N, C-alpha and C. Protein backbone atom coordinates (compact mmCIF):
# COMPACT_ATOMS: atom_id res chain seq x y z
N MET A 1 10.16 24.47 -9.27
CA MET A 1 9.55 22.96 -9.72
C MET A 1 9.16 23.00 -10.08
N LYS A 2 8.94 21.99 -10.82
CA LYS A 2 7.71 22.30 -12.13
C LYS A 2 6.44 21.60 -11.55
N ARG A 3 5.55 21.89 -11.72
CA ARG A 3 4.03 21.74 -11.14
C ARG A 3 3.34 20.22 -12.21
N LYS A 4 2.83 19.24 -11.89
CA LYS A 4 2.46 18.26 -12.33
C LYS A 4 1.14 18.72 -12.61
N SER A 5 0.53 18.28 -14.24
CA SER A 5 -0.37 18.17 -14.38
C SER A 5 -2.08 17.52 -14.11
N LYS A 6 -2.63 17.85 -13.29
CA LYS A 6 -3.73 17.11 -13.18
C LYS A 6 -5.19 16.95 -13.74
N SER A 7 -4.54 17.33 -15.61
CA SER A 7 -5.41 16.35 -16.53
C SER A 7 -4.41 16.00 -17.80
N GLY A 8 -5.41 15.35 -18.28
CA GLY A 8 -4.81 15.34 -19.84
C GLY A 8 -3.96 13.60 -19.58
N PRO A 9 -3.93 12.85 -21.29
CA PRO A 9 -4.15 11.46 -20.86
C PRO A 9 -2.66 11.20 -19.73
N PRO A 10 -1.09 11.26 -19.38
CA PRO A 10 -0.57 11.25 -19.00
C PRO A 10 -1.42 11.00 -17.58
N PHE A 11 -2.32 12.06 -16.89
CA PHE A 11 -2.50 12.08 -15.45
C PHE A 11 -3.86 11.01 -15.22
N LEU A 12 -4.52 10.69 -16.57
CA LEU A 12 -5.68 10.22 -16.49
C LEU A 12 -5.02 8.38 -16.92
N PHE A 13 -3.98 8.21 -17.19
CA PHE A 13 -3.40 6.49 -17.23
C PHE A 13 -2.92 6.41 -15.99
N LYS A 14 -2.07 7.46 -15.12
CA LYS A 14 -1.33 7.54 -13.96
C LYS A 14 -2.29 6.73 -13.48
N THR A 15 -3.56 7.63 -13.09
CA THR A 15 -5.01 7.51 -12.13
C THR A 15 -5.06 6.22 -12.02
N LEU A 16 -5.29 5.48 -13.35
CA LEU A 16 -5.71 4.26 -13.77
C LEU A 16 -4.90 2.96 -13.91
N ALA A 17 -3.06 3.65 -13.14
CA ALA A 17 -2.75 3.17 -12.56
C ALA A 17 -2.66 1.24 -11.51
N ASP A 18 -3.03 2.25 -10.60
CA ASP A 18 -2.84 2.09 -9.37
C ASP A 18 -3.86 1.01 -9.00
N PRO A 19 -3.88 0.16 -8.48
CA PRO A 19 -4.37 -1.63 -8.36
C PRO A 19 -6.15 -0.83 -7.21
N THR A 20 -5.53 0.06 -6.30
CA THR A 20 -6.35 0.24 -4.91
C THR A 20 -7.61 1.21 -6.16
N ARG A 21 -6.71 2.52 -6.92
CA ARG A 21 -7.84 3.00 -7.38
C ARG A 21 -8.82 2.35 -8.59
N LEU A 22 -8.13 1.08 -9.50
CA LEU A 22 -9.78 0.47 -9.75
C LEU A 22 -10.11 -0.34 -9.10
N ARG A 23 -9.86 -1.22 -8.25
CA ARG A 23 -10.93 -1.57 -7.25
C ARG A 23 -11.81 -0.74 -6.88
N LEU A 24 -11.94 0.33 -6.69
CA LEU A 24 -12.39 1.81 -6.12
C LEU A 24 -13.41 2.09 -7.34
N LEU A 25 -12.76 1.99 -8.01
CA LEU A 25 -13.66 2.48 -9.62
C LEU A 25 -14.55 1.32 -10.07
N ASN A 26 -13.99 0.05 -9.55
CA ASN A 26 -15.30 -1.05 -9.91
C ASN A 26 -16.28 -0.99 -8.88
N LEU A 27 -16.43 -0.54 -8.15
CA LEU A 27 -17.60 -0.98 -6.80
C LEU A 27 -17.76 0.23 -7.77
N LEU A 28 -17.61 1.53 -7.65
CA LEU A 28 -18.22 2.39 -7.80
C LEU A 28 -19.38 2.24 -9.26
N ALA A 29 -18.77 1.02 -9.98
CA ALA A 29 -19.73 1.26 -11.09
C ALA A 29 -20.85 0.75 -10.74
N CYS A 30 -21.14 0.44 -9.52
CA CYS A 30 -22.58 -0.35 -9.43
C CYS A 30 -23.19 0.72 -9.32
N GLY A 31 -22.94 1.92 -8.89
CA GLY A 31 -23.83 3.29 -8.46
C GLY A 31 -23.00 3.73 -7.51
N GLU A 32 -24.06 4.74 -6.95
CA GLU A 32 -23.47 6.17 -6.18
C GLU A 32 -22.95 5.12 -4.63
N THR A 33 -21.83 5.40 -3.76
CA THR A 33 -21.88 4.46 -2.61
C THR A 33 -20.88 5.21 -1.75
N CYS A 34 -21.59 4.85 -0.12
CA CYS A 34 -20.96 5.43 0.77
C CYS A 34 -19.14 5.25 1.48
N VAL A 35 -18.26 5.70 1.55
CA VAL A 35 -16.58 5.37 1.73
C VAL A 35 -17.13 4.49 2.80
N CYS A 36 -17.42 4.00 3.98
CA CYS A 36 -17.75 3.13 4.71
C CYS A 36 -18.25 2.18 3.82
N GLU A 37 -18.85 2.03 2.86
CA GLU A 37 -19.14 0.65 2.59
C GLU A 37 -17.37 -0.13 1.32
N LEU A 38 -17.41 1.03 0.75
CA LEU A 38 -16.51 0.68 0.21
C LEU A 38 -14.75 0.27 0.90
N THR A 39 -14.85 1.38 2.25
CA THR A 39 -13.73 0.36 3.50
C THR A 39 -13.90 -1.12 3.85
N GLY A 40 -14.94 -0.65 4.30
CA GLY A 40 -15.28 -2.54 4.81
C GLY A 40 -15.09 -3.49 3.49
N THR A 41 -15.79 -3.19 1.86
CA THR A 41 -15.88 -3.93 0.67
C THR A 41 -14.50 -4.45 0.71
N LEU A 42 -13.50 -3.00 0.18
CA LEU A 42 -12.16 -3.44 0.34
C LEU A 42 -10.96 -4.22 1.06
N ARG A 43 -11.31 -4.09 2.59
CA ARG A 43 -10.75 -4.59 3.52
C ARG A 43 -9.88 -3.32 3.80
N VAL A 44 -9.80 -2.29 3.50
CA VAL A 44 -8.77 -1.13 3.35
C VAL A 44 -8.90 -0.43 4.61
N VAL A 45 -8.21 0.51 5.02
CA VAL A 45 -8.55 1.83 6.20
C VAL A 45 -8.87 3.11 5.48
N GLN A 46 -9.79 3.62 6.56
CA GLN A 46 -10.08 4.61 5.82
C GLN A 46 -9.49 5.83 5.08
N PRO A 47 -8.57 5.99 5.76
CA PRO A 47 -7.27 7.45 5.50
C PRO A 47 -6.69 6.13 4.01
N LYS A 48 -6.96 5.37 3.86
CA LYS A 48 -6.18 4.98 2.60
C LYS A 48 -7.65 5.57 1.22
N VAL A 49 -8.64 4.63 1.36
CA VAL A 49 -9.63 4.99 0.84
C VAL A 49 -9.78 6.56 0.30
N SER A 50 -9.40 6.93 1.13
CA SER A 50 -10.26 8.11 0.98
C SER A 50 -8.64 9.20 0.71
N ARG A 51 -7.34 8.91 0.43
CA ARG A 51 -6.70 9.50 -0.14
C ARG A 51 -7.05 9.19 -1.98
N HIS A 52 -7.11 7.60 -1.64
CA HIS A 52 -7.48 7.26 -3.61
C HIS A 52 -8.38 7.57 -4.32
N LEU A 53 -9.62 7.94 -3.56
CA LEU A 53 -11.00 8.97 -4.29
C LEU A 53 -9.85 10.56 -4.10
N ALA A 54 -9.72 10.83 -3.42
CA ALA A 54 -9.24 12.09 -3.89
C ALA A 54 -8.34 12.22 -4.78
N HIS A 55 -7.94 11.34 -4.98
CA HIS A 55 -6.90 11.28 -6.98
C HIS A 55 -8.18 11.26 -7.49
N LEU A 56 -8.75 10.47 -7.40
CA LEU A 56 -9.68 9.95 -8.52
C LEU A 56 -10.43 10.96 -8.63
N LYS A 57 -10.69 12.11 -7.60
CA LYS A 57 -11.92 13.31 -7.82
C LYS A 57 -10.98 14.66 -9.13
N ARG A 58 -9.67 14.32 -8.72
CA ARG A 58 -8.46 14.97 -9.10
C ARG A 58 -8.89 14.95 -10.72
N ALA A 59 -8.46 13.17 -10.76
CA ALA A 59 -8.77 13.29 -12.63
C ALA A 59 -9.83 13.56 -12.87
N GLY A 60 -11.06 13.87 -12.19
CA GLY A 60 -12.29 13.88 -13.08
C GLY A 60 -12.54 12.95 -13.52
N LEU A 61 -12.68 11.94 -12.18
CA LEU A 61 -13.31 9.95 -12.37
C LEU A 61 -14.72 9.86 -11.48
N VAL A 62 -14.82 10.45 -10.82
CA VAL A 62 -15.76 10.91 -9.55
C VAL A 62 -15.85 11.78 -9.37
N GLU A 63 -17.18 11.72 -8.55
CA GLU A 63 -17.45 12.88 -7.86
C GLU A 63 -18.25 12.42 -6.72
N ALA A 64 -18.43 14.07 -5.72
CA ALA A 64 -18.32 13.20 -4.31
C ALA A 64 -19.57 13.66 -3.88
N ARG A 65 -20.72 13.41 -3.52
CA ARG A 65 -21.96 13.99 -1.97
C ARG A 65 -21.79 13.92 -0.77
N ARG A 66 -21.87 15.12 0.40
CA ARG A 66 -21.77 14.68 1.22
C ARG A 66 -23.60 14.95 2.08
N ASN A 67 -23.48 13.59 2.22
CA ASN A 67 -25.00 13.11 3.40
C ASN A 67 -24.37 13.50 4.84
N GLY A 68 -24.67 14.01 5.41
CA GLY A 68 -24.48 14.58 7.01
C GLY A 68 -22.52 14.66 7.19
N LYS A 69 -22.62 13.46 7.69
CA LYS A 69 -21.47 12.91 8.32
C LYS A 69 -20.15 12.26 6.93
N TRP A 70 -21.15 11.56 6.18
CA TRP A 70 -20.84 10.19 5.29
C TRP A 70 -20.50 10.74 4.01
N THR A 71 -19.66 10.65 2.98
CA THR A 71 -19.48 11.57 1.33
C THR A 71 -19.75 10.29 0.66
N HIS A 72 -20.55 10.44 -0.70
CA HIS A 72 -20.89 9.36 -1.26
C HIS A 72 -20.39 9.64 -2.03
N TYR A 73 -19.40 8.19 -2.88
CA TYR A 73 -19.46 8.85 -4.00
C TYR A 73 -19.68 7.72 -5.76
N ARG A 74 -19.67 8.83 -7.04
CA ARG A 74 -19.70 7.95 -7.95
C ARG A 74 -19.18 8.68 -8.87
N TRP A 75 -19.13 7.92 -10.23
CA TRP A 75 -18.43 7.94 -11.32
C TRP A 75 -19.08 8.97 -11.88
N THR A 76 -18.36 10.11 -12.63
CA THR A 76 -18.71 11.15 -13.01
C THR A 76 -19.06 10.81 -14.83
N GLU A 77 -19.87 11.74 -15.26
CA GLU A 77 -20.11 11.41 -16.77
C GLU A 77 -18.56 11.95 -17.67
N GLN A 78 -17.62 11.53 -18.59
CA GLN A 78 -17.03 12.07 -19.33
C GLN A 78 -17.08 13.06 -20.48
N ALA A 79 -17.20 14.12 -20.46
CA ALA A 79 -17.02 15.15 -21.69
C ALA A 79 -15.87 14.76 -22.40
N ASP A 80 -14.69 14.51 -22.17
CA ASP A 80 -13.49 13.81 -22.57
C ASP A 80 -13.58 12.90 -23.19
N PRO A 81 -13.30 12.77 -25.07
CA PRO A 81 -13.86 11.42 -25.88
C PRO A 81 -12.93 9.91 -25.23
N LEU A 82 -11.48 10.85 -25.41
CA LEU A 82 -10.36 10.11 -24.62
C LEU A 82 -11.00 8.99 -23.11
N ALA A 83 -11.38 9.43 -22.34
CA ALA A 83 -11.67 9.56 -21.31
C ALA A 83 -12.55 8.27 -20.65
N ARG A 84 -14.22 8.55 -21.74
CA ARG A 84 -14.96 8.26 -21.72
C ARG A 84 -14.46 6.83 -22.35
N HIS A 85 -13.94 7.08 -23.61
CA HIS A 85 -13.97 5.26 -24.47
C HIS A 85 -12.72 4.73 -23.92
N VAL A 86 -11.54 5.36 -22.72
CA VAL A 86 -11.00 4.44 -21.94
C VAL A 86 -12.52 3.90 -20.86
N LEU A 87 -12.71 4.77 -20.10
CA LEU A 87 -13.58 3.87 -18.94
C LEU A 87 -14.69 3.18 -19.17
N LEU A 88 -14.92 2.88 -20.37
CA LEU A 88 -16.05 2.30 -21.29
C LEU A 88 -15.50 0.77 -21.60
N GLY A 89 -14.19 1.06 -22.33
CA GLY A 89 -13.22 -0.21 -21.91
C GLY A 89 -12.86 -0.89 -20.57
N LEU A 90 -12.79 0.10 -19.14
CA LEU A 90 -12.23 -0.18 -17.99
C LEU A 90 -13.61 -1.15 -17.60
N ARG A 91 -14.61 -0.39 -18.22
CA ARG A 91 -16.28 -0.66 -17.64
C ARG A 91 -16.02 -2.78 -17.88
N GLN A 92 -15.83 -3.20 -18.79
CA GLN A 92 -16.04 -4.04 -19.74
C GLN A 92 -15.43 -5.11 -19.53
N TRP A 93 -13.68 -4.11 -19.24
CA TRP A 93 -12.64 -5.35 -18.61
C TRP A 93 -13.21 -5.70 -16.65
N MET A 94 -14.07 -4.69 -15.93
CA MET A 94 -14.17 -5.28 -15.16
C MET A 94 -15.05 -6.71 -14.90
N ALA A 95 -16.28 -6.23 -16.17
CA ALA A 95 -17.55 -7.03 -16.11
C ALA A 95 -17.25 -8.79 -16.28
N LYS A 96 -15.78 -8.77 -16.91
CA LYS A 96 -15.44 -9.99 -16.66
C LYS A 96 -14.47 -10.26 -16.37
N ASP A 97 -14.16 -9.72 -15.26
CA ASP A 97 -12.86 -10.34 -14.36
C ASP A 97 -13.53 -11.03 -13.23
N ASN A 98 -13.13 -12.25 -12.73
CA ASN A 98 -13.64 -12.33 -11.64
C ASN A 98 -12.98 -11.74 -10.11
N ALA A 99 -12.03 -11.25 -9.90
CA ALA A 99 -11.35 -10.55 -8.59
C ALA A 99 -12.59 -9.99 -8.34
N MET A 100 -12.91 -8.60 -9.82
CA MET A 100 -13.89 -7.72 -9.73
C MET A 100 -15.04 -7.96 -9.28
N ASN A 101 -15.54 -8.83 -10.12
CA ASN A 101 -16.69 -8.83 -9.63
C ASN A 101 -17.24 -10.35 -8.47
N GLY A 102 -15.99 -10.59 -8.00
CA GLY A 102 -16.17 -11.24 -6.53
C GLY A 102 -16.60 -9.81 -4.94
N GLU A 103 -15.61 -8.75 -5.68
CA GLU A 103 -15.19 -8.03 -4.94
C GLU A 103 -16.85 -6.93 -5.01
N ARG A 104 -17.59 -6.99 -6.18
CA ARG A 104 -18.87 -6.36 -6.45
C ARG A 104 -19.57 -6.69 -5.36
N ARG A 105 -19.51 -8.33 -5.37
CA ARG A 105 -20.81 -9.24 -4.48
C ARG A 105 -20.43 -9.24 -3.73
N ARG A 106 -19.30 -9.00 -2.54
CA ARG A 106 -18.65 -8.61 -1.50
C ARG A 106 -19.88 -6.99 -1.20
N ARG A 107 -19.47 -6.22 -1.81
CA ARG A 107 -20.04 -4.69 -2.07
C ARG A 107 -21.67 -5.22 -1.16
N GLY A 108 -22.62 -5.95 -1.98
CA GLY A 108 -23.76 -6.31 -1.72
C GLY A 108 -23.68 -6.59 -0.18
N GLU A 109 -23.24 -7.38 0.53
CA GLU A 109 -22.99 -7.91 2.16
C GLU A 109 -22.45 -6.28 3.10
N VAL A 110 -21.78 -5.71 2.38
CA VAL A 110 -21.20 -4.94 2.88
C VAL A 110 -22.19 -3.16 3.21
N CYS A 111 -22.78 -3.34 4.40
CA CYS A 111 -23.82 -2.51 4.41
C CYS A 111 -23.12 -1.42 5.60
N CYS A 112 -23.94 0.60 4.96
CA CYS A 112 -23.31 1.09 6.38
C CYS A 112 -24.16 1.41 7.44
N ARG A 113 -23.77 1.08 9.05
CA ARG A 113 -23.96 0.96 10.02
C ARG A 113 -24.98 2.06 10.16
N ILE A 114 -24.48 3.20 10.01
CA ILE A 114 -25.78 4.23 10.37
C ILE A 114 -26.75 4.20 9.25
N GLY A 115 -26.99 3.54 7.63
CA GLY A 115 -27.91 3.59 7.15
C GLY A 115 -28.86 2.72 7.82
N ARG A 116 -28.31 1.19 8.11
CA ARG A 116 -28.88 0.42 9.19
C ARG A 116 -30.30 1.02 10.01
N ARG A 117 -29.45 1.64 11.10
CA ARG A 117 -29.91 2.41 12.05
C ARG A 117 -30.92 3.14 11.11
N LYS A 118 -31.26 4.37 10.98
CA LYS A 118 -32.04 5.36 10.21
C LYS A 118 -32.98 4.18 9.11
N ALA A 119 -32.64 3.22 8.64
CA ALA A 119 -34.07 2.29 8.07
C ALA A 119 -34.60 2.13 9.20
N THR A 120 -34.03 1.50 9.98
CA THR A 120 -34.65 0.95 11.80
C THR A 120 -36.24 2.63 11.87
N PHE A 121 -35.51 3.38 12.16
CA PHE A 121 -35.51 4.71 13.19
C PHE A 121 -36.98 4.70 11.97
N SER A 122 -36.89 4.83 10.93
CA SER A 122 -37.91 5.34 10.14
C SER A 122 -39.02 4.29 9.39
N LYS A 123 -38.92 3.14 10.69
CA LYS A 123 -40.49 2.83 9.86
C LYS A 123 -41.35 2.81 11.14
């Protein structure tokens, strides 16, 4: 059985063909984001979000940082010129799309409850 490649244009475009992964990239375009904020904003269950984030990570589009039991994701810097060009076009499209803009606005209303508690305790 032939193994699928995890790099190159076919994998990049297959990754970007999924609506949930596009929605995740849209929210991550605002900066580093906790998984709990992504699930709350997209109103999607955590296992589904995590599965799509893992795919985006395999494609080299996002990177993760652990903070205790929380994982935060952000876009990665692209060394590949094709990926860089495609993602630039994707960001420009997202900035003009009404649905994507609405989700980015809703992201500001969703906050990690743990983050709120920490902010309260640190005062």
